[in-house]
Amino acid sequence: MPRHVPVNASPKMQVVPACAAAVALVMAWWLVPDQAHVASAQHARPQFYAASVKRSGAGGTRPNVETSLQYVRAARVIDLIAYAYPEVLPFQIIGGDDWIRSEQFQVTANTSVPTTQDTKRLMVRSLLEDRFALRVKRDTRTMPRFRLALARSDGRTGRFLRQSSLDCRAYISGLRPMTQSPLDAQGRLACSRVRVTRTGALDTLSYRGIPMSLFAHFLQANMGRAVTDHTGLDGLFDIDFTFSLSTAPGLSLPVRGQSEEIVSITTALRDDLGLTLEEEHGPVELLVIEAAKFPDPD
């Protein structure tokens, strides 16, 4: 069974849009908004010009749409909270009744003027407070988590973890427009948040010009648990590792392909990157749901 799938090496490989969970994996820390901007916007408590919230029924739901003027989404309350508080992942949101994680609602909202995604997140936060009477608080608790470390005692890394000549941090954080990213040899944006290349049951995730601390953050959505960087590796890196997304504990994805083709994320970290995840207990930042109620009908 072939183990490694070299990036851009096989004519059978296709760069495909990541499935929703795979995108969530890389875009959560991903797009944490500038804190000074958020503090200013929170004071103003931005709200949608018009918003409708309905419990999803047998009639189906509208496709998800997000533009500068519109936000349309069929989602659970837990998903709306994760959108409104992008600095936390779903596993960091605790408390609340079961319906918050099971019942789905159709949200259709409009703004009066073109609005950035950062401001729209705060508008969703206001909507949650007004329509669902949501109250949350922040907390830090000692919980199981992972530490990302070097797998080899001699400190050598795998061949798919390489020092980078790029610095993509400003583009990934949103401080600079992604459209201004340098281009790679194929004419694509070199600093895309992640590139997912799919071959059979295997997915190659590619990152460019990021520090190991940011890579550890990206791993959290995959693992469904906090991950801290203890590699001791300084600088910026290009990273490619190949595994089956269906094996990631933090993602609920169907298994594709035959069992002999399946490669776990821990195997890929070890074989491709020379890294390992070690279990430990430590402080984890959480968002605690204190109260929420079913919204009144429109």
Protein backbone atom coordinates (compact mmCIF):
# COMPACT_ATOMS: atom_id res chain seq x y z
CA MET A 1 0.00 0.00 0.00
CA PRO A 2 1.50 3.37 -0.93
CA ARG A 3 2.11 5.39 2.20
CA HIS A 4 3.03 8.87 1.01
CA VAL A 5 1.16 10.87 -1.59
CA PRO A 6 3.61 13.51 -2.83
CA VAL A 7 1.97 16.88 -3.38
CA ASN A 8 1.58 17.83 -7.05
CA ALA A 9 3.26 14.59 -8.10
CA SER A 10 0.45 12.43 -9.40
CA PRO A 11 -1.80 13.22 -12.36
CA LYS A 12 -4.61 11.44 -10.53
CA MET A 13 -4.56 13.91 -7.68
CA GLN A 14 -7.22 16.56 -7.61
CA VAL A 15 -7.30 19.61 -5.41
CA VAL A 16 -10.85 19.66 -4.19
CA PRO A 17 -12.70 22.00 -1.86
CA ALA A 18 -12.41 20.70 1.68
CA CYS A 19 -15.58 19.32 3.14
CA ALA A 20 -17.23 21.52 5.74
CA ALA A 21 -15.50 19.80 8.64
CA ALA A 22 -12.09 19.96 6.99
CA VAL A 23 -12.52 23.64 6.34
CA ALA A 24 -13.56 24.08 9.96
CA LEU A 25 -10.38 22.35 10.93
CA VAL A 26 -8.21 25.01 9.43
CA MET A 27 -10.32 28.06 9.55
CA ALA A 28 -11.02 28.39 13.16
CA TRP A 29 -7.81 30.00 14.21
CA TRP A 30 -7.78 30.66 11.27
CA LEU A 31 -9.92 33.72 11.21
CA VAL A 32 -9.78 35.00 14.77
CA PRO A 33 -10.62 38.68 14.34
CA ASP A 34 -8.41 41.54 15.40
CA GLN A 35 -9.11 42.04 19.11
CA ALA A 36 -9.04 45.85 19.06
CA HIS A 37 -11.62 45.83 16.25
CA VAL A 38 -13.79 43.37 18.15
CA ALA A 39 -13.65 45.38 21.38
CA SER A 40 -14.79 48.51 19.53
CA ALA A 41 -17.55 46.66 17.68
CA GLN A 42 -18.77 44.94 20.85
CA HIS A 43 -19.27 48.30 22.51
CA ALA A 44 -21.60 49.28 19.66
CA ARG A 45 -23.34 45.85 19.76
CA PRO A 46 -23.95 45.56 16.00
CA GLN A 47 -27.20 43.94 14.94
CA PHE A 48 -28.75 42.69 11.72
CA TYR A 49 -31.14 45.07 9.94
CA ALA A 50 -33.66 42.21 9.71
CA ALA A 51 -33.47 38.60 10.91
CA SER A 52 -35.72 35.54 10.87
CA VAL A 53 -35.17 32.46 13.06
CA LYS A 54 -37.28 29.36 12.50
CA ARG A 55 -37.00 25.80 13.69
CA SER A 56 -36.06 23.64 10.69
CA GLY A 57 -38.96 21.43 9.62
CA ALA A 58 -39.78 18.79 7.07
CA GLY A 59 -39.98 21.43 4.35
CA GLY A 60 -36.22 21.61 4.14
CA THR A 61 -33.87 24.54 4.52
CA ARG A 62 -32.34 27.14 2.28
CA PRO A 63 -28.72 26.74 1.17
CA ASN A 64 -26.14 28.39 3.40
CA VAL A 65 -25.16 31.81 2.05
CA GLU A 66 -22.85 34.46 3.45
CA THR A 67 -22.20 37.73 1.66
CA SER A 68 -21.41 41.25 2.80
CA LEU A 69 -25.17 41.89 2.98
CA GLN A 70 -26.65 38.53 3.93
CA TYR A 71 -26.25 35.64 6.36
CA VAL A 72 -28.33 32.52 5.68
CA ARG A 73 -27.62 29.34 7.59
CA ALA A 74 -29.29 26.14 8.70
CA ALA A 75 -27.50 25.29 11.92
CA ARG A 76 -27.68 24.10 15.48
CA VAL A 77 -27.27 26.68 18.22
CA ILE A 78 -23.86 25.21 19.06
CA ASP A 79 -22.78 25.94 15.47
CA LEU A 80 -24.03 29.52 15.67
CA ILE A 81 -22.13 30.01 18.93
CA ALA A 82 -18.95 28.64 17.34
CA TYR A 83 -19.39 31.13 14.48
CA ALA A 84 -20.04 34.04 16.83
CA TYR A 85 -17.04 33.17 19.04
CA PRO A 86 -14.35 32.12 16.52
CA GLU A 87 -11.62 32.00 19.13
CA VAL A 88 -13.08 28.74 20.49
CA LEU A 89 -13.82 25.43 18.80
CA PRO A 90 -16.98 23.36 19.44
CA PHE A 91 -15.23 21.09 21.94
CA GLN A 92 -14.45 24.20 24.02
CA ILE A 93 -18.15 25.11 24.33
CA ILE A 94 -19.72 23.34 27.30
CA GLY A 95 -22.97 23.40 29.26
CA GLY A 96 -26.51 24.02 28.10
CA ASP A 97 -29.40 21.68 27.35
CA ASP A 98 -29.25 18.84 24.82
CA TRP A 99 -31.40 20.67 22.24
CA ILE A 100 -28.59 23.20 21.75
CA ARG A 101 -26.58 20.43 20.07
CA SER A 102 -29.42 18.59 18.35
CA GLU A 103 -32.16 20.96 17.14
CA GLN A 104 -31.54 22.80 13.88
CA PHE A 105 -32.75 26.29 13.04
CA GLN A 106 -33.00 28.27 9.83
CA VAL A 107 -31.46 31.73 10.25
CA THR A 108 -32.01 34.31 7.51
CA ALA A 109 -30.56 37.72 8.23
CA ASN A 110 -29.68 40.88 6.30
CA THR A 111 -27.52 43.90 6.95
CA SER A 112 -28.33 47.44 5.86
CA VAL A 113 -24.84 48.12 4.50
CA PRO A 114 -21.97 45.87 3.34
CA THR A 115 -20.48 44.27 6.44
CA THR A 116 -17.22 42.44 7.17
CA GLN A 117 -17.24 38.90 8.51
CA ASP A 118 -15.82 40.09 11.85
CA THR A 119 -18.81 42.41 12.32
CA LYS A 120 -21.22 39.73 11.11
CA ARG A 121 -19.94 37.40 13.81
CA LEU A 122 -20.84 40.04 16.40
CA MET A 123 -24.26 40.42 14.79
CA VAL A 124 -24.82 36.67 15.19
CA ARG A 125 -23.74 37.06 18.81
CA SER A 126 -26.40 39.76 19.28
CA LEU A 127 -28.98 37.55 17.56
CA LEU A 128 -28.18 34.68 19.94
CA GLU A 129 -28.61 36.98 22.92
CA ASP A 130 -31.87 38.51 21.66
CA ARG A 131 -33.62 35.49 20.13
CA PHE A 132 -32.22 32.60 22.19
CA ALA A 133 -31.59 34.54 25.43
CA LEU A 134 -28.07 33.12 25.32
CA ARG A 135 -25.77 33.88 28.22
CA VAL A 136 -22.19 32.61 28.26
CA LYS A 137 -19.12 33.11 30.36
CA ARG A 138 -15.45 32.30 29.86
CA ASP A 139 -13.66 29.84 32.09
CA THR A 140 -10.37 27.96 32.25
CA ARG A 141 -10.31 24.40 33.55
CA THR A 142 -7.75 21.64 33.83
CA MET A 143 -8.69 19.05 31.21
CA PRO A 144 -7.11 16.33 29.05
CA ARG A 145 -5.21 17.80 26.11
CA PHE A 146 -2.35 16.93 23.75
CA ARG A 147 1.17 18.23 23.52
CA LEU A 148 2.75 18.25 20.07
CA ALA A 149 6.33 17.04 20.35
CA LEU A 150 9.18 15.60 18.28
CA ALA A 151 8.85 11.85 17.78
CA ARG A 152 12.60 11.14 17.39
CA SER A 153 15.13 11.40 20.19
CA ASP A 154 17.72 12.87 17.78
CA GLY A 155 15.41 15.82 17.01
CA ARG A 156 15.11 15.09 13.30
CA THR A 157 11.83 15.89 11.59
CA GLY A 158 10.06 14.13 8.72
CA ARG A 159 10.71 14.97 5.09
CA PHE A 160 7.34 16.70 4.68
CA LEU A 161 8.09 19.26 7.42
CA ARG A 162 10.40 21.85 5.89
CA GLN A 163 11.67 25.35 6.70
CA SER A 164 9.73 27.88 4.63
CA SER A 165 10.76 31.01 2.77
CA LEU A 166 7.19 32.32 3.11
CA ASP A 167 5.55 34.14 5.98
CA CYS A 168 1.82 33.54 5.65
CA ARG A 169 0.74 34.58 9.12
CA ALA A 170 -0.69 37.97 8.14
CA TYR A 171 -2.76 36.45 5.33
CA ILE A 172 -4.09 33.57 7.43
CA SER A 173 -5.04 35.88 10.32
CA GLY A 174 -6.81 38.28 7.97
CA LEU A 175 -4.49 41.20 8.69
CA ARG A 176 -3.68 41.23 4.97
CA PRO A 177 -6.11 40.28 2.19
CA MET A 178 -5.64 36.69 1.04
CA THR A 179 -5.90 37.92 -2.54
CA GLN A 180 -2.54 39.66 -2.06
CA SER A 181 -0.78 36.41 -1.12
CA PRO A 182 2.30 35.44 -3.14
CA LEU A 183 1.64 32.84 -5.84
CA ASP A 184 3.14 29.37 -5.99
CA ALA A 185 4.67 27.69 -9.05
CA GLN A 186 1.19 26.68 -10.27
CA GLY A 187 -0.13 30.23 -10.03
CA ARG A 188 -2.23 29.51 -6.93
CA LEU A 189 -2.30 31.54 -3.73
CA ALA A 190 0.70 30.24 -1.82
CA CYS A 191 -0.72 31.34 1.52
CA SER A 192 -4.12 29.64 1.33
CA ARG A 193 -5.19 28.61 4.81
CA VAL A 194 -5.03 24.98 3.81
CA ARG A 195 -4.94 22.98 0.60
CA VAL A 196 -6.67 19.61 0.72
CA THR A 197 -5.69 17.11 -1.97
CA ARG A 198 -7.76 13.95 -2.08
CA THR A 199 -6.71 10.57 -3.47
CA GLY A 200 -9.02 7.64 -2.69
CA ALA A 201 -9.38 7.35 1.07
CA LEU A 202 -6.42 9.66 1.74
CA ASP A 203 -6.32 13.42 2.20
CA THR A 204 -3.14 15.50 2.02
CA LEU A 205 -3.35 18.69 4.07
CA SER A 206 -0.84 21.34 3.03
CA TYR A 207 0.11 24.47 4.95
CA ARG A 208 2.65 27.11 3.94
CA GLY A 209 4.72 29.58 5.93
CA ILE A 210 3.31 28.99 9.42
CA PRO A 211 4.94 28.55 12.86
CA MET A 212 4.52 25.29 14.76
CA SER A 213 2.33 27.03 17.34
CA LEU A 214 -0.22 27.78 14.61
CA PHE A 215 -0.01 24.22 13.28
CA ALA A 216 -0.77 22.97 16.81
CA HIS A 217 -3.84 25.22 16.83
CA PHE A 218 -4.99 23.82 13.51
CA LEU A 219 -4.70 20.27 14.85
CA GLN A 220 -7.19 20.97 17.61
CA ALA A 221 -10.26 20.70 15.37
CA ASN A 222 -8.97 17.34 14.10
CA MET A 223 -8.34 15.97 17.55
CA GLY A 224 -11.33 17.45 19.37
CA ARG A 225 -9.00 18.45 22.15
CA ALA A 226 -6.59 21.30 22.94
CA VAL A 227 -3.10 20.91 21.46
CA THR A 228 -0.04 22.82 22.68
CA ASP A 229 3.27 23.15 20.86
CA HIS A 230 6.25 21.55 22.61
CA THR A 231 8.35 20.84 19.52
CA GLY A 232 10.92 23.54 20.25
CA LEU A 233 11.03 24.25 16.50
CA ASP A 234 11.50 27.94 15.71
CA GLY A 235 10.78 29.68 12.44
CA LEU A 236 8.21 29.14 9.70
CA PHE A 237 7.41 25.85 7.99
CA ASP A 238 5.84 24.26 4.94
CA ILE A 239 3.86 21.19 6.01
CA ASP A 240 2.25 18.35 4.05
CA PHE A 241 0.83 15.27 5.73
CA THR A 242 -1.40 12.55 4.36
CA PHE A 243 -4.05 10.67 6.32
CA SER A 244 -7.73 9.77 6.24
CA LEU A 245 -9.82 12.65 7.58
CA SER A 246 -12.37 10.09 8.77
CA THR A 247 -9.85 8.96 11.42
CA ALA A 248 -9.65 12.39 13.07
CA PRO A 249 -11.33 12.12 16.51
CA GLY A 250 -12.68 15.66 16.34
CA LEU A 251 -14.42 15.22 12.97
CA SER A 252 -17.51 13.10 12.37
CA LEU A 253 -16.91 12.03 8.79
CA PRO A 254 -17.85 8.84 6.94
CA VAL A 255 -15.05 6.45 6.07
CA ARG A 256 -14.08 6.43 2.40
CA GLY A 257 -12.26 3.58 0.66
CA GLN A 258 -11.12 0.17 1.90
CA SER A 259 -9.83 -0.38 5.42
CA GLU A 260 -6.33 -1.17 4.15
CA GLU A 261 -6.16 2.33 2.63
CA ILE A 262 -7.00 4.09 5.88
CA VAL A 263 -4.16 6.01 7.55
CA SER A 264 -4.65 7.61 10.98
CA ILE A 265 -3.67 11.17 11.76
CA THR A 266 -1.23 10.03 14.45
CA THR A 267 0.52 7.74 11.96
CA ALA A 268 0.77 10.58 9.45
CA LEU A 269 2.19 12.97 12.04
CA ARG A 270 4.87 10.42 12.93
CA ASP A 271 5.77 9.17 9.45
CA ASP A 272 5.38 12.36 7.41
CA LEU A 273 6.42 15.02 9.92
CA GLY A 274 8.38 13.25 12.65
CA LEU A 275 5.94 14.51 15.29
CA THR A 276 3.86 12.89 17.98
CA LEU A 277 0.89 13.78 20.16
CA GLU A 278 1.33 13.04 23.86
CA GLU A 279 -1.59 13.06 26.29
CA GLU A 280 -1.44 15.39 29.26
CA HIS A 281 -3.64 17.46 31.54
CA GLY A 282 -3.48 21.24 31.52
CA PRO A 283 -5.49 24.48 31.43
CA VAL A 284 -8.00 24.74 28.59
CA GLU A 285 -9.99 27.88 27.79
CA LEU A 286 -13.74 27.24 27.62
CA LEU A 287 -16.95 29.04 26.79
CA VAL A 288 -19.64 27.99 29.28
CA ILE A 289 -23.32 28.24 28.31
CA GLU A 290 -25.15 29.56 31.36
CA ALA A 291 -28.61 29.96 29.81
CA ALA A 292 -30.49 29.60 26.52
CA LYS A 293 -34.12 29.13 25.47
CA PHE A 294 -36.06 28.19 22.37
CA PRO A 295 -36.70 31.31 20.27
CA ASP A 296 -40.21 32.68 19.98
CA PRO A 297 -41.80 32.03 16.56
CA ASP A 298 -41.36 34.80 13.98
